[in-house]
């Protein structure tokens, strides 16, 4: 089944070239040229993935991403002309699943989109117990939902996969490289702090009001999940 991809980008030449590559891959492509129209289309069409430029007229990509994450876990690939690591981390901290830095080739972006959709569609999470619960937090692995103090927590697909990886093997320490390999795949071209940004988001979203932080940092190594 073909996926629907929404491109939110003000450069019409870039939109045209990327659309050609995505349509060649069998995707249905929707386009918006400013942040306000992008939000409207995202809410109306409910795409399978959004390509979101950071610098947009009317509403910039950072604010559009923030608003999308308040209401949806749709995978987002952020496109940015800014090369500084902090700028890229900001998008990830708001919930983007991946990013591509301009200038990029349409072929590269199409490959990254395939990778994100592939990660989202993997059925590995369907294996094992249907539900895991601890101290006010319940993770339904089949429905892919998380409840914190009986309130739904909105995790992105990438955040959910990292959380499931950790809770399936409590007390085991995973290095950032292992998390990248299992969750992002061998074709991931990001950096170690990408993992840190996603883990920070998960911690913020799943910590109960009166509970401890169960995702622990093992300094110099990585992260582990603890039931204590």
N, C-alpha and C. Protein backbone atom coordinates (compact mmCIF):
# COMPACT_ATOMS: atom_id res chain seq x y z
N UNK A 1 0.84 -1.19 0.00
CA UNK A 1 0.00 0.00 0.00
C UNK A 1 0.88 1.25 0.00
N UNK A 2 0.60 2.20 -0.91
CA UNK A 2 1.42 3.39 -1.04
C UNK A 2 1.22 4.29 0.16
N UNK A 3 2.28 4.99 0.54
CA UNK A 3 2.21 5.93 1.64
C UNK A 3 1.93 7.33 1.10
N UNK A 4 1.29 8.15 1.93
CA UNK A 4 1.06 9.55 1.59
C UNK A 4 2.10 10.41 2.29
N UNK A 5 2.83 11.19 1.51
CA UNK A 5 3.89 12.05 2.04
C UNK A 5 3.51 13.50 1.78
N UNK A 6 3.53 14.30 2.83
CA UNK A 6 3.28 15.74 2.72
C UNK A 6 4.61 16.48 2.76
N UNK A 7 4.87 17.27 1.71
CA UNK A 7 6.08 18.10 1.65
C UNK A 7 5.69 19.53 1.99
N UNK A 8 6.29 20.08 3.03
CA UNK A 8 6.04 21.48 3.41
C UNK A 8 7.35 22.23 3.18
N UNK A 9 7.43 22.93 2.07
CA UNK A 9 8.68 23.55 1.61
C UNK A 9 8.32 24.73 0.71
N UNK A 10 8.96 25.88 0.93
CA UNK A 10 8.60 27.07 0.14
C UNK A 10 9.35 27.16 -1.18
N UNK A 11 10.40 26.39 -1.36
CA UNK A 11 11.14 26.38 -2.62
C UNK A 11 10.43 25.43 -3.59
N UNK A 12 9.76 26.00 -4.58
CA UNK A 12 8.93 25.19 -5.48
C UNK A 12 9.75 24.25 -6.35
N UNK A 13 10.96 24.65 -6.73
CA UNK A 13 11.82 23.76 -7.51
C UNK A 13 12.19 22.52 -6.69
N UNK A 14 12.52 22.74 -5.40
CA UNK A 14 12.82 21.60 -4.53
C UNK A 14 11.62 20.68 -4.39
N UNK A 15 10.44 21.27 -4.20
CA UNK A 15 9.21 20.47 -4.08
C UNK A 15 8.99 19.64 -5.34
N UNK A 16 9.19 20.26 -6.50
CA UNK A 16 8.96 19.55 -7.76
C UNK A 16 9.90 18.36 -7.91
N UNK A 17 11.19 18.57 -7.62
CA UNK A 17 12.17 17.48 -7.77
C UNK A 17 11.93 16.36 -6.77
N UNK A 18 11.69 16.73 -5.50
CA UNK A 18 11.45 15.71 -4.48
C UNK A 18 10.18 14.93 -4.79
N UNK A 19 9.15 15.63 -5.27
CA UNK A 19 7.89 14.97 -5.62
C UNK A 19 8.10 13.92 -6.69
N UNK A 20 8.94 14.23 -7.67
CA UNK A 20 9.20 13.27 -8.75
C UNK A 20 9.81 11.99 -8.20
N UNK A 21 10.79 12.12 -7.31
CA UNK A 21 11.44 10.94 -6.74
C UNK A 21 10.47 10.14 -5.87
N UNK A 22 9.65 10.84 -5.08
CA UNK A 22 8.73 10.14 -4.19
C UNK A 22 7.63 9.44 -4.98
N UNK A 23 7.14 10.09 -6.03
CA UNK A 23 6.12 9.45 -6.87
C UNK A 23 6.70 8.24 -7.58
N UNK A 24 7.96 8.33 -7.95
CA UNK A 24 8.62 7.18 -8.58
C UNK A 24 8.71 6.00 -7.62
N UNK A 25 8.81 6.31 -6.31
CA UNK A 25 8.83 5.26 -5.29
C UNK A 25 7.43 4.74 -4.97
N UNK A 26 6.42 5.33 -5.61
CA UNK A 26 5.06 4.84 -5.40
C UNK A 26 4.26 5.60 -4.36
N UNK A 27 4.80 6.71 -3.85
CA UNK A 27 4.10 7.47 -2.83
C UNK A 27 3.09 8.44 -3.45
N UNK A 28 2.04 8.72 -2.71
CA UNK A 28 1.14 9.82 -3.03
C UNK A 28 1.73 11.06 -2.37
N UNK A 29 1.85 12.15 -3.12
CA UNK A 29 2.54 13.33 -2.62
C UNK A 29 1.59 14.51 -2.52
N UNK A 30 1.58 15.17 -1.37
CA UNK A 30 0.86 16.42 -1.16
C UNK A 30 1.88 17.51 -0.89
N UNK A 31 1.57 18.74 -1.26
CA UNK A 31 2.54 19.82 -1.14
C UNK A 31 1.91 21.05 -0.49
N UNK A 32 2.69 21.73 0.32
CA UNK A 32 2.31 23.02 0.89
C UNK A 32 3.55 23.89 0.89
N UNK A 33 3.35 25.21 0.73
CA UNK A 33 4.49 26.11 0.57
C UNK A 33 4.66 27.08 1.72
N UNK A 34 3.89 26.91 2.78
CA UNK A 34 4.11 27.69 4.00
C UNK A 34 3.62 26.87 5.19
N UNK A 35 4.00 27.29 6.39
CA UNK A 35 3.69 26.50 7.57
C UNK A 35 2.22 26.42 7.88
N UNK A 36 1.47 27.48 7.65
CA UNK A 36 0.04 27.47 7.93
C UNK A 36 -0.69 26.48 7.04
N UNK A 37 -0.38 26.51 5.74
CA UNK A 37 -1.01 25.57 4.82
C UNK A 37 -0.55 24.14 5.11
N UNK A 38 0.70 23.99 5.53
CA UNK A 38 1.19 22.66 5.88
C UNK A 38 0.42 22.06 7.04
N UNK A 39 0.17 22.85 8.08
CA UNK A 39 -0.62 22.37 9.21
C UNK A 39 -2.03 22.00 8.78
N UNK A 40 -2.62 22.84 7.94
CA UNK A 40 -4.00 22.56 7.49
C UNK A 40 -4.07 21.24 6.73
N UNK A 41 -3.12 21.04 5.81
CA UNK A 41 -3.11 19.80 5.04
C UNK A 41 -2.81 18.58 5.91
N UNK A 42 -1.90 18.76 6.87
CA UNK A 42 -1.57 17.64 7.76
C UNK A 42 -2.80 17.20 8.54
N UNK A 43 -3.58 18.15 9.02
CA UNK A 43 -4.77 17.82 9.79
C UNK A 43 -5.87 17.22 8.92
N UNK A 44 -5.97 17.71 7.69
CA UNK A 44 -7.04 17.24 6.80
C UNK A 44 -6.71 15.88 6.19
N UNK A 45 -5.49 15.71 5.68
CA UNK A 45 -5.14 14.52 4.91
C UNK A 45 -4.54 13.40 5.75
N UNK A 46 -4.04 13.71 6.96
CA UNK A 46 -3.41 12.72 7.83
C UNK A 46 -2.38 11.86 7.07
N UNK A 47 -1.31 12.51 6.59
CA UNK A 47 -0.30 11.78 5.81
C UNK A 47 0.45 10.77 6.66
N UNK A 48 1.14 9.85 5.98
CA UNK A 48 1.95 8.85 6.68
C UNK A 48 3.30 9.41 7.12
N UNK A 49 3.74 10.50 6.47
CA UNK A 49 5.02 11.13 6.81
C UNK A 49 4.99 12.56 6.31
N UNK A 50 5.66 13.45 7.04
CA UNK A 50 5.75 14.86 6.65
C UNK A 50 7.21 15.25 6.48
N UNK A 51 7.54 15.86 5.34
CA UNK A 51 8.84 16.48 5.12
C UNK A 51 8.64 17.96 5.43
N UNK A 52 9.34 18.46 6.44
CA UNK A 52 9.06 19.80 6.97
C UNK A 52 10.31 20.66 6.94
N UNK A 53 10.28 21.72 6.12
CA UNK A 53 11.40 22.65 6.07
C UNK A 53 11.44 23.48 7.34
N UNK A 54 12.63 23.81 7.79
CA UNK A 54 12.77 24.59 9.02
C UNK A 54 12.40 26.05 8.80
N UNK A 55 12.79 26.61 7.66
CA UNK A 55 12.55 28.02 7.37
C UNK A 55 11.37 28.15 6.41
N UNK A 56 10.22 28.55 6.96
CA UNK A 56 8.99 28.65 6.18
C UNK A 56 8.34 30.01 6.39
N UNK A 57 7.64 30.52 5.38
CA UNK A 57 6.85 31.74 5.59
C UNK A 57 5.59 31.46 6.42
N UNK A 58 5.08 32.49 7.04
CA UNK A 58 3.84 32.49 7.83
C UNK A 58 3.96 31.75 9.16
N UNK A 59 4.56 30.56 9.13
CA UNK A 59 4.76 29.79 10.35
C UNK A 59 5.99 28.92 10.14
N UNK A 60 7.04 29.11 10.96
CA UNK A 60 8.28 28.38 10.68
C UNK A 60 8.16 26.90 11.06
N UNK A 61 9.12 26.11 10.58
CA UNK A 61 9.06 24.67 10.78
C UNK A 61 9.13 24.24 12.23
N UNK A 62 9.86 25.00 13.05
CA UNK A 62 9.95 24.66 14.48
C UNK A 62 8.58 24.75 15.14
N UNK A 63 7.87 25.84 14.90
CA UNK A 63 6.55 26.00 15.49
C UNK A 63 5.54 25.02 14.89
N UNK A 64 5.64 24.78 13.58
CA UNK A 64 4.75 23.80 12.95
C UNK A 64 4.96 22.41 13.54
N UNK A 65 6.24 22.05 13.76
CA UNK A 65 6.55 20.75 14.36
C UNK A 65 5.99 20.66 15.77
N UNK A 66 6.15 21.73 16.54
CA UNK A 66 5.64 21.74 17.91
C UNK A 66 4.13 21.53 17.93
N UNK A 67 3.42 22.22 17.05
CA UNK A 67 1.96 22.09 17.02
C UNK A 67 1.53 20.70 16.55
N UNK A 68 2.25 20.15 15.56
CA UNK A 68 1.92 18.81 15.09
C UNK A 68 2.09 17.79 16.20
N UNK A 69 3.15 17.95 16.99
CA UNK A 69 3.41 16.98 18.05
C UNK A 69 2.40 17.06 19.19
N UNK A 70 1.69 18.15 19.29
CA UNK A 70 0.65 18.26 20.30
C UNK A 70 -0.57 17.42 19.96
N UNK A 71 -0.68 17.02 18.69
CA UNK A 71 -1.89 16.33 18.26
C UNK A 71 -1.64 15.09 17.42
N UNK A 72 -0.40 14.78 17.09
CA UNK A 72 -0.14 13.66 16.19
C UNK A 72 1.25 13.08 16.42
N UNK A 73 1.40 11.79 16.12
CA UNK A 73 2.72 11.14 16.18
C UNK A 73 3.23 10.82 14.78
N UNK A 74 2.70 11.50 13.76
CA UNK A 74 3.12 11.27 12.38
C UNK A 74 4.64 11.45 12.27
N UNK A 75 5.34 10.55 11.57
CA UNK A 75 6.79 10.72 11.39
C UNK A 75 7.09 12.02 10.64
N UNK A 76 8.11 12.73 11.12
CA UNK A 76 8.51 14.01 10.53
C UNK A 76 9.99 13.96 10.18
N UNK A 77 10.31 14.30 8.94
CA UNK A 77 11.70 14.48 8.52
C UNK A 77 11.91 15.98 8.35
N UNK A 78 12.78 16.54 9.18
CA UNK A 78 13.04 17.98 9.14
C UNK A 78 14.10 18.28 8.10
N UNK A 79 13.88 19.33 7.32
CA UNK A 79 14.85 19.78 6.32
C UNK A 79 15.38 21.14 6.78
N UNK A 80 16.69 21.27 6.89
CA UNK A 80 17.26 22.51 7.40
C UNK A 80 18.51 22.91 6.63
N UNK A 81 18.64 24.23 6.41
CA UNK A 81 19.86 24.77 5.81
C UNK A 81 20.89 25.10 6.86
N UNK A 82 20.50 25.00 8.14
CA UNK A 82 21.41 25.31 9.23
C UNK A 82 22.27 24.08 9.54
N UNK A 83 23.55 24.28 9.64
CA UNK A 83 24.46 23.16 9.82
C UNK A 83 24.86 22.96 11.28
N UNK A 84 24.54 23.95 12.15
CA UNK A 84 24.94 23.82 13.54
C UNK A 84 24.20 22.68 14.21
N UNK A 85 24.92 21.92 15.02
CA UNK A 85 24.33 20.77 15.69
C UNK A 85 23.14 21.16 16.56
N UNK A 86 23.24 22.31 17.24
CA UNK A 86 22.16 22.73 18.13
C UNK A 86 20.87 22.97 17.38
N UNK A 87 20.96 23.51 16.17
CA UNK A 87 19.75 23.73 15.38
C UNK A 87 19.09 22.41 15.00
N UNK A 88 19.91 21.43 14.66
CA UNK A 88 19.35 20.12 14.30
C UNK A 88 18.76 19.45 15.54
N UNK A 89 19.43 19.58 16.67
CA UNK A 89 18.91 18.99 17.90
C UNK A 89 17.59 19.61 18.31
N UNK A 90 17.41 20.88 18.04
CA UNK A 90 16.17 21.54 18.43
C UNK A 90 14.98 20.89 17.74
N UNK A 91 15.13 20.58 16.46
CA UNK A 91 14.06 19.89 15.75
C UNK A 91 13.78 18.51 16.32
N UNK A 92 14.84 17.78 16.65
CA UNK A 92 14.67 16.46 17.24
C UNK A 92 14.01 16.53 18.61
N UNK A 93 14.38 17.53 19.39
CA UNK A 93 13.80 17.68 20.72
C UNK A 93 12.31 17.99 20.64
N UNK A 94 11.88 18.62 19.55
CA UNK A 94 10.46 18.91 19.37
C UNK A 94 9.69 17.71 18.82
N UNK A 95 10.42 16.68 18.41
CA UNK A 95 9.74 15.46 17.99
C UNK A 95 9.98 15.02 16.56
N UNK A 96 10.87 15.70 15.81
CA UNK A 96 11.20 15.22 14.48
C UNK A 96 11.90 13.87 14.57
N UNK A 97 11.65 13.00 13.60
CA UNK A 97 12.23 11.66 13.62
C UNK A 97 13.58 11.60 12.93
N UNK A 98 13.83 12.50 12.01
CA UNK A 98 15.10 12.52 11.29
C UNK A 98 15.25 13.91 10.69
N UNK A 99 16.40 14.18 10.12
CA UNK A 99 16.62 15.47 9.49
C UNK A 99 17.53 15.29 8.29
N UNK A 100 17.43 16.22 7.35
CA UNK A 100 18.31 16.27 6.20
C UNK A 100 18.80 17.70 6.08
N UNK A 101 20.10 17.88 5.86
CA UNK A 101 20.68 19.21 5.77
C UNK A 101 20.81 19.65 4.32
N UNK A 102 20.37 20.87 4.03
CA UNK A 102 20.54 21.44 2.69
C UNK A 102 21.99 21.87 2.48
N UNK A 103 22.50 21.77 1.25
CA UNK A 103 21.84 21.21 0.08
C UNK A 103 21.85 19.68 0.12
N UNK A 104 20.82 19.06 -0.40
CA UNK A 104 20.74 17.61 -0.43
C UNK A 104 20.26 17.19 -1.81
N UNK A 105 20.50 15.94 -2.15
CA UNK A 105 19.97 15.43 -3.41
C UNK A 105 18.58 14.85 -3.15
N UNK A 106 17.65 14.99 -4.09
CA UNK A 106 16.33 14.37 -3.93
C UNK A 106 16.42 12.87 -3.69
N UNK A 107 17.43 12.24 -4.27
CA UNK A 107 17.60 10.80 -4.07
C UNK A 107 17.93 10.49 -2.61
N UNK A 108 18.78 11.34 -1.99
CA UNK A 108 19.12 11.14 -0.59
C UNK A 108 17.89 11.29 0.29
N UNK A 109 17.09 12.34 0.05
CA UNK A 109 15.89 12.56 0.86
C UNK A 109 14.91 11.40 0.68
N UNK A 110 14.74 10.94 -0.56
CA UNK A 110 13.84 9.81 -0.80
C UNK A 110 14.30 8.58 -0.04
N UNK A 111 15.62 8.37 0.02
CA UNK A 111 16.15 7.22 0.75
C UNK A 111 15.89 7.35 2.24
N UNK A 112 16.04 8.57 2.78
CA UNK A 112 15.79 8.78 4.21
C UNK A 112 14.32 8.57 4.54
N UNK A 113 13.44 9.01 3.64
CA UNK A 113 12.00 8.81 3.83
C UNK A 113 11.67 7.32 3.83
N UNK A 114 12.26 6.59 2.90
CA UNK A 114 12.04 5.13 2.88
C UNK A 114 12.48 4.51 4.20
N UNK A 115 13.62 4.98 4.72
CA UNK A 115 14.15 4.41 5.96
C UNK A 115 13.22 4.69 7.14
N UNK A 116 12.71 5.93 7.23
CA UNK A 116 11.81 6.27 8.34
C UNK A 116 10.50 5.48 8.23
N UNK A 117 9.95 5.38 7.03
CA UNK A 117 8.72 4.61 6.85
C UNK A 117 8.95 3.14 7.15
N UNK A 118 10.12 2.64 6.79
CA UNK A 118 10.44 1.24 7.06
C UNK A 118 10.53 0.98 8.56
N UNK A 119 11.16 1.90 9.28
CA UNK A 119 11.25 1.76 10.73
C UNK A 119 9.86 1.80 11.36
N UNK A 120 9.02 2.69 10.86
CA UNK A 120 7.68 2.84 11.43
C UNK A 120 6.84 1.60 11.18
N UNK A 121 7.05 0.95 10.04
CA UNK A 121 6.19 -0.17 9.66
C UNK A 121 6.69 -1.52 10.16
N UNK A 122 7.89 -1.58 10.72
CA UNK A 122 8.41 -2.86 11.17
C UNK A 122 7.48 -3.54 12.15
N UNK A 123 7.37 -4.84 12.06
CA UNK A 123 6.46 -5.56 12.95
C UNK A 123 7.19 -6.15 14.15
N UNK A 124 8.44 -5.78 14.35
CA UNK A 124 9.20 -6.35 15.46
C UNK A 124 8.54 -6.06 16.81
N UNK A 125 7.88 -4.90 16.92
CA UNK A 125 7.28 -4.52 18.19
C UNK A 125 6.07 -5.38 18.53
N UNK A 126 5.54 -6.13 17.56
CA UNK A 126 4.37 -6.96 17.83
C UNK A 126 4.75 -8.22 18.60
N UNK A 127 6.02 -8.52 18.70
CA UNK A 127 6.44 -9.73 19.39
C UNK A 127 6.53 -9.49 20.88
N UNK A 128 6.43 -10.57 21.64
CA UNK A 128 6.56 -10.46 23.09
C UNK A 128 5.25 -10.10 23.75
N UNK A 129 5.30 -9.63 25.00
CA UNK A 129 4.07 -9.33 25.76
C UNK A 129 3.30 -8.20 25.11
N UNK A 130 1.96 -8.25 25.27
CA UNK A 130 1.13 -7.20 24.69
C UNK A 130 1.20 -5.91 25.48
N UNK A 131 1.55 -6.02 26.77
CA UNK A 131 1.52 -4.84 27.63
C UNK A 131 2.60 -4.93 28.69
N UNK A 132 3.22 -3.80 28.97
CA UNK A 132 4.21 -3.70 30.04
C UNK A 132 3.80 -2.53 30.92
N UNK A 133 3.78 -2.73 32.23
CA UNK A 133 3.35 -1.67 33.15
C UNK A 133 4.31 -1.57 34.32
N UNK A 134 4.52 -0.34 34.82
CA UNK A 134 5.33 -0.11 36.00
C UNK A 134 5.01 1.29 36.55
N UNK A 135 4.83 1.38 37.83
CA UNK A 135 4.73 2.67 38.55
C UNK A 135 3.94 3.75 37.81
N UNK A 136 2.71 3.46 37.43
CA UNK A 136 1.87 4.48 36.81
C UNK A 136 2.03 4.62 35.32
N UNK A 137 2.91 3.81 34.71
CA UNK A 137 3.12 3.87 33.26
C UNK A 137 2.73 2.53 32.64
N UNK A 138 1.91 2.58 31.58
CA UNK A 138 1.50 1.37 30.87
C UNK A 138 1.80 1.53 29.39
N UNK A 139 2.55 0.56 28.85
CA UNK A 139 2.90 0.57 27.43
C UNK A 139 2.19 -0.59 26.76
N UNK A 140 1.31 -0.29 25.81
CA UNK A 140 0.62 -1.31 25.02
C UNK A 140 1.40 -1.48 23.72
N UNK A 141 2.10 -2.62 23.60
CA UNK A 141 2.99 -2.81 22.46
C UNK A 141 2.23 -3.07 21.17
N UNK A 142 1.03 -3.58 21.24
CA UNK A 142 0.27 -3.86 20.03
C UNK A 142 -0.45 -2.62 19.52
N UNK A 143 -1.06 -1.89 20.43
CA UNK A 143 -1.72 -0.64 20.01
C UNK A 143 -0.73 0.51 19.88
N UNK A 144 0.46 0.31 20.40
CA UNK A 144 1.53 1.32 20.36
C UNK A 144 1.09 2.60 21.08
N UNK A 145 0.56 2.41 22.27
CA UNK A 145 0.13 3.54 23.09
C UNK A 145 0.85 3.51 24.43
N UNK A 146 0.97 4.69 25.05
CA UNK A 146 1.59 4.82 26.37
C UNK A 146 0.66 5.65 27.25
N UNK A 147 0.35 5.11 28.43
CA UNK A 147 -0.45 5.84 29.41
C UNK A 147 0.43 6.18 30.62
N UNK A 148 0.37 7.41 31.06
CA UNK A 148 1.09 7.86 32.25
C UNK A 148 0.05 8.43 33.21
N UNK A 149 -0.09 7.78 34.38
CA UNK A 149 -1.14 8.17 35.33
C UNK A 149 -2.50 8.23 34.65
N UNK A 150 -2.76 7.21 33.79
CA UNK A 150 -4.03 7.05 33.06
C UNK A 150 -4.27 8.13 32.00
N UNK A 151 -3.25 8.91 31.70
CA UNK A 151 -3.35 9.90 30.63
C UNK A 151 -2.44 9.48 29.47
N UNK A 152 -2.93 9.62 28.24
CA UNK A 152 -2.16 9.20 27.08
C UNK A 152 -0.96 10.12 26.86
N UNK A 153 0.20 9.51 26.69
CA UNK A 153 1.42 10.25 26.36
C UNK A 153 1.67 10.12 24.87
N UNK A 154 1.96 11.22 24.22
CA UNK A 154 2.13 11.22 22.77
C UNK A 154 3.61 11.07 22.41
N UNK A 155 4.02 9.83 22.13
CA UNK A 155 5.38 9.55 21.70
C UNK A 155 5.43 9.45 20.18
N UNK A 156 6.53 9.91 19.59
CA UNK A 156 6.72 9.71 18.17
C UNK A 156 7.03 8.23 17.91
N UNK A 157 6.90 7.76 16.67
CA UNK A 157 7.27 6.37 16.38
C UNK A 157 8.70 6.03 16.80
N UNK A 158 9.64 6.95 16.59
CA UNK A 158 11.02 6.69 16.97
C UNK A 158 11.16 6.62 18.48
N UNK A 159 10.53 7.54 19.20
CA UNK A 159 10.58 7.50 20.66
C UNK A 159 9.98 6.21 21.20
N UNK A 160 8.88 5.78 20.59
CA UNK A 160 8.23 4.56 21.05
C UNK A 160 9.13 3.35 20.84
N UNK A 161 9.81 3.30 19.72
CA UNK A 161 10.69 2.16 19.45
C UNK A 161 11.86 2.12 20.43
N UNK A 162 12.41 3.28 20.76
CA UNK A 162 13.50 3.31 21.75
C UNK A 162 12.99 2.85 23.10
N UNK A 163 11.82 3.33 23.51
CA UNK A 163 11.26 2.93 24.80
C UNK A 163 11.03 1.43 24.86
N UNK A 164 10.45 0.87 23.80
CA UNK A 164 10.18 -0.57 23.79
C UNK A 164 11.48 -1.37 23.83
N UNK A 165 12.48 -0.91 23.10
CA UNK A 165 13.78 -1.60 23.12
C UNK A 165 14.32 -1.66 24.54
N UNK A 166 14.20 -0.58 25.29
CA UNK A 166 14.74 -0.54 26.65
C UNK A 166 13.92 -1.36 27.63
N UNK A 167 12.58 -1.28 27.54
CA UNK A 167 11.76 -1.98 28.54
C UNK A 167 11.71 -3.48 28.30
N UNK A 168 12.01 -3.91 27.06
CA UNK A 168 12.01 -5.35 26.80
C UNK A 168 13.18 -6.05 27.47
N UNK A 169 14.23 -5.31 27.75
CA UNK A 169 15.41 -5.89 28.40
C UNK A 169 15.84 -4.99 29.56
N UNK A 170 15.04 -4.95 30.63
CA UNK A 170 15.36 -4.07 31.76
C UNK A 170 16.71 -4.41 32.37
N UNK A 171 17.37 -3.40 32.85
CA UNK A 171 18.69 -3.46 33.49
C UNK A 171 19.84 -3.70 32.50
N UNK A 172 19.52 -3.93 31.24
CA UNK A 172 20.59 -4.06 30.25
C UNK A 172 20.97 -2.67 29.74
N UNK A 173 22.25 -2.39 29.68
CA UNK A 173 22.72 -1.10 29.18
C UNK A 173 22.95 -1.20 27.68
N UNK A 174 22.32 -0.29 26.95
CA UNK A 174 22.50 -0.21 25.50
C UNK A 174 23.35 1.01 25.17
N UNK A 175 24.35 0.81 24.36
CA UNK A 175 25.16 1.94 23.91
C UNK A 175 24.36 2.74 22.88
N UNK A 176 24.79 3.95 22.64
CA UNK A 176 24.13 4.76 21.61
C UNK A 176 24.24 4.08 20.26
N UNK A 177 25.36 3.46 19.98
CA UNK A 177 25.53 2.76 18.71
C UNK A 177 24.54 1.61 18.57
N UNK A 178 24.29 0.88 19.64
CA UNK A 178 23.32 -0.21 19.59
C UNK A 178 21.91 0.32 19.37
N UNK A 179 21.58 1.43 20.01
CA UNK A 179 20.26 2.02 19.82
C UNK A 179 20.10 2.49 18.37
N UNK A 180 21.13 3.13 17.84
CA UNK A 180 21.08 3.57 16.45
C UNK A 180 20.88 2.38 15.52
N UNK A 181 21.63 1.30 15.75
CA UNK A 181 21.56 0.13 14.88
C UNK A 181 20.17 -0.52 14.92
N UNK A 182 19.60 -0.66 16.13
CA UNK A 182 18.32 -1.35 16.27
C UNK A 182 17.12 -0.50 15.89
N UNK A 183 17.18 0.77 16.23
CA UNK A 183 16.01 1.63 16.06
C UNK A 183 16.06 2.40 14.75
N UNK A 184 17.23 2.93 14.40
CA UNK A 184 17.32 3.76 13.21
C UNK A 184 17.75 2.98 11.98
N UNK A 185 18.55 1.94 12.16
CA UNK A 185 18.99 1.15 11.02
C UNK A 185 20.39 1.53 10.58
N UNK A 186 20.97 0.65 9.79
CA UNK A 186 22.36 0.82 9.39
C UNK A 186 22.56 2.03 8.49
N UNK A 187 21.48 2.50 7.83
CA UNK A 187 21.62 3.61 6.89
C UNK A 187 21.44 4.97 7.56
N UNK A 188 21.34 4.99 8.88
CA UNK A 188 21.18 6.26 9.59
C UNK A 188 22.46 7.07 9.47
N UNK A 189 22.29 8.39 9.21
CA UNK A 189 23.46 9.25 9.01
C UNK A 189 23.51 10.39 10.02
N UNK A 190 22.88 10.20 11.16
CA UNK A 190 22.86 11.24 12.18
C UNK A 190 24.08 11.18 13.07
N UNK A 191 23.91 11.58 14.34
CA UNK A 191 25.03 11.62 15.26
C UNK A 191 24.53 11.15 16.62
N UNK A 192 25.48 10.85 17.52
CA UNK A 192 25.12 10.26 18.81
C UNK A 192 24.13 11.10 19.60
N UNK A 193 24.23 12.41 19.52
CA UNK A 193 23.35 13.26 20.31
C UNK A 193 21.91 13.19 19.83
N UNK A 194 21.69 12.64 18.63
CA UNK A 194 20.32 12.38 18.20
C UNK A 194 19.64 11.45 19.18
N UNK A 195 20.34 10.39 19.61
CA UNK A 195 19.79 9.46 20.60
C UNK A 195 19.51 10.18 21.90
N UNK A 196 20.44 11.03 22.35
CA UNK A 196 20.25 11.77 23.60
C UNK A 196 18.99 12.63 23.55
N UNK A 197 18.75 13.27 22.41
CA UNK A 197 17.57 14.13 22.28
C UNK A 197 16.29 13.32 22.38
N UNK A 198 16.25 12.15 21.72
CA UNK A 198 15.06 11.30 21.78
C UNK A 198 14.85 10.77 23.20
N UNK A 199 15.91 10.35 23.87
CA UNK A 199 15.78 9.83 25.23
C UNK A 199 15.29 10.92 26.18
N UNK A 200 15.78 12.14 26.01
CA UNK A 200 15.31 13.25 26.84
C UNK A 200 13.81 13.47 26.65
N UNK A 201 13.35 13.36 25.42
CA UNK A 201 11.91 13.49 25.16
C UNK A 201 11.12 12.40 25.86
N UNK A 202 11.61 11.15 25.77
CA UNK A 202 10.90 10.02 26.39
C UNK A 202 10.82 10.23 27.90
N UNK A 203 11.93 10.60 28.51
CA UNK A 203 11.94 10.82 29.96
C UNK A 203 10.90 11.85 30.36
N UNK A 204 10.84 12.94 29.62
CA UNK A 204 9.91 14.01 29.94
C UNK A 204 8.46 13.55 29.81
N UNK A 205 8.21 12.69 28.83
CA UNK A 205 6.84 12.30 28.54
C UNK A 205 6.31 11.17 29.42
N UNK A 206 7.20 10.29 29.90
CA UNK A 206 6.70 9.10 30.61
C UNK A 206 6.90 9.17 32.11
N UNK A 207 7.48 10.23 32.62
CA UNK A 207 7.72 10.27 34.07
C UNK A 207 6.42 10.61 34.81
N UNK A 208 5.92 9.71 35.67
CA UNK A 208 4.71 10.00 36.45
C UNK A 208 4.96 11.18 37.39
N UNK A 209 3.87 11.80 37.83
CA UNK A 209 3.98 12.97 38.70
C UNK A 209 4.79 12.68 39.96
N UNK A 210 4.56 11.49 40.56
CA UNK A 210 5.23 11.16 41.82
C UNK A 210 6.22 10.02 41.67
N UNK A 211 6.65 9.75 40.43
CA UNK A 211 7.49 8.59 40.21
C UNK A 211 8.92 8.95 39.86
N UNK A 212 9.82 7.97 39.92
CA UNK A 212 11.22 8.21 39.58
C UNK A 212 11.44 8.15 38.06
N UNK A 213 12.63 8.53 37.66
CA UNK A 213 13.02 8.44 36.26
C UNK A 213 13.59 7.05 36.02
N UNK A 214 12.88 6.23 35.23
CA UNK A 214 13.30 4.84 35.05
C UNK A 214 14.36 4.66 33.97
N UNK A 215 14.51 5.62 33.08
CA UNK A 215 15.55 5.51 32.06
C UNK A 215 16.81 6.17 32.62
N UNK A 216 17.81 5.35 32.87
CA UNK A 216 19.03 5.81 33.52
C UNK A 216 20.17 5.97 32.52
N UNK A 217 20.96 6.99 32.74
CA UNK A 217 22.15 7.20 31.93
C UNK A 217 23.32 6.46 32.55
N UNK A 218 23.98 5.64 31.76
CA UNK A 218 25.22 4.98 32.20
C UNK A 218 26.35 5.76 31.53
N UNK A 219 26.98 6.62 32.29
CA UNK A 219 27.92 7.59 31.73
C UNK A 219 29.07 6.90 30.98
N UNK A 220 29.31 7.40 29.80
CA UNK A 220 30.36 6.86 28.95
C UNK A 220 29.93 5.64 28.18
N UNK A 221 28.69 5.14 28.41
CA UNK A 221 28.23 3.94 27.72
C UNK A 221 26.94 4.20 26.97
N UNK A 222 25.83 4.46 27.70
CA UNK A 222 24.55 4.65 27.02
C UNK A 222 23.41 4.74 28.02
N UNK A 223 22.37 3.94 27.79
CA UNK A 223 21.16 4.03 28.60
C UNK A 223 20.64 2.64 28.97
N UNK A 224 19.90 2.60 30.09
CA UNK A 224 19.23 1.37 30.48
C UNK A 224 17.91 1.70 31.16
N UNK A 225 17.02 0.72 31.18
CA UNK A 225 15.73 0.88 31.86
C UNK A 225 15.80 0.12 33.18
N UNK A 226 15.39 0.79 34.26
CA UNK A 226 15.40 0.17 35.57
C UNK A 226 14.00 0.22 36.18
N UNK A 227 13.56 -0.89 36.76
CA UNK A 227 12.26 -0.94 37.45
C UNK A 227 12.34 -0.38 38.87
N UNK A 228 13.54 -0.15 39.35
CA UNK A 228 13.69 0.34 40.74
C UNK A 228 13.25 1.80 40.87
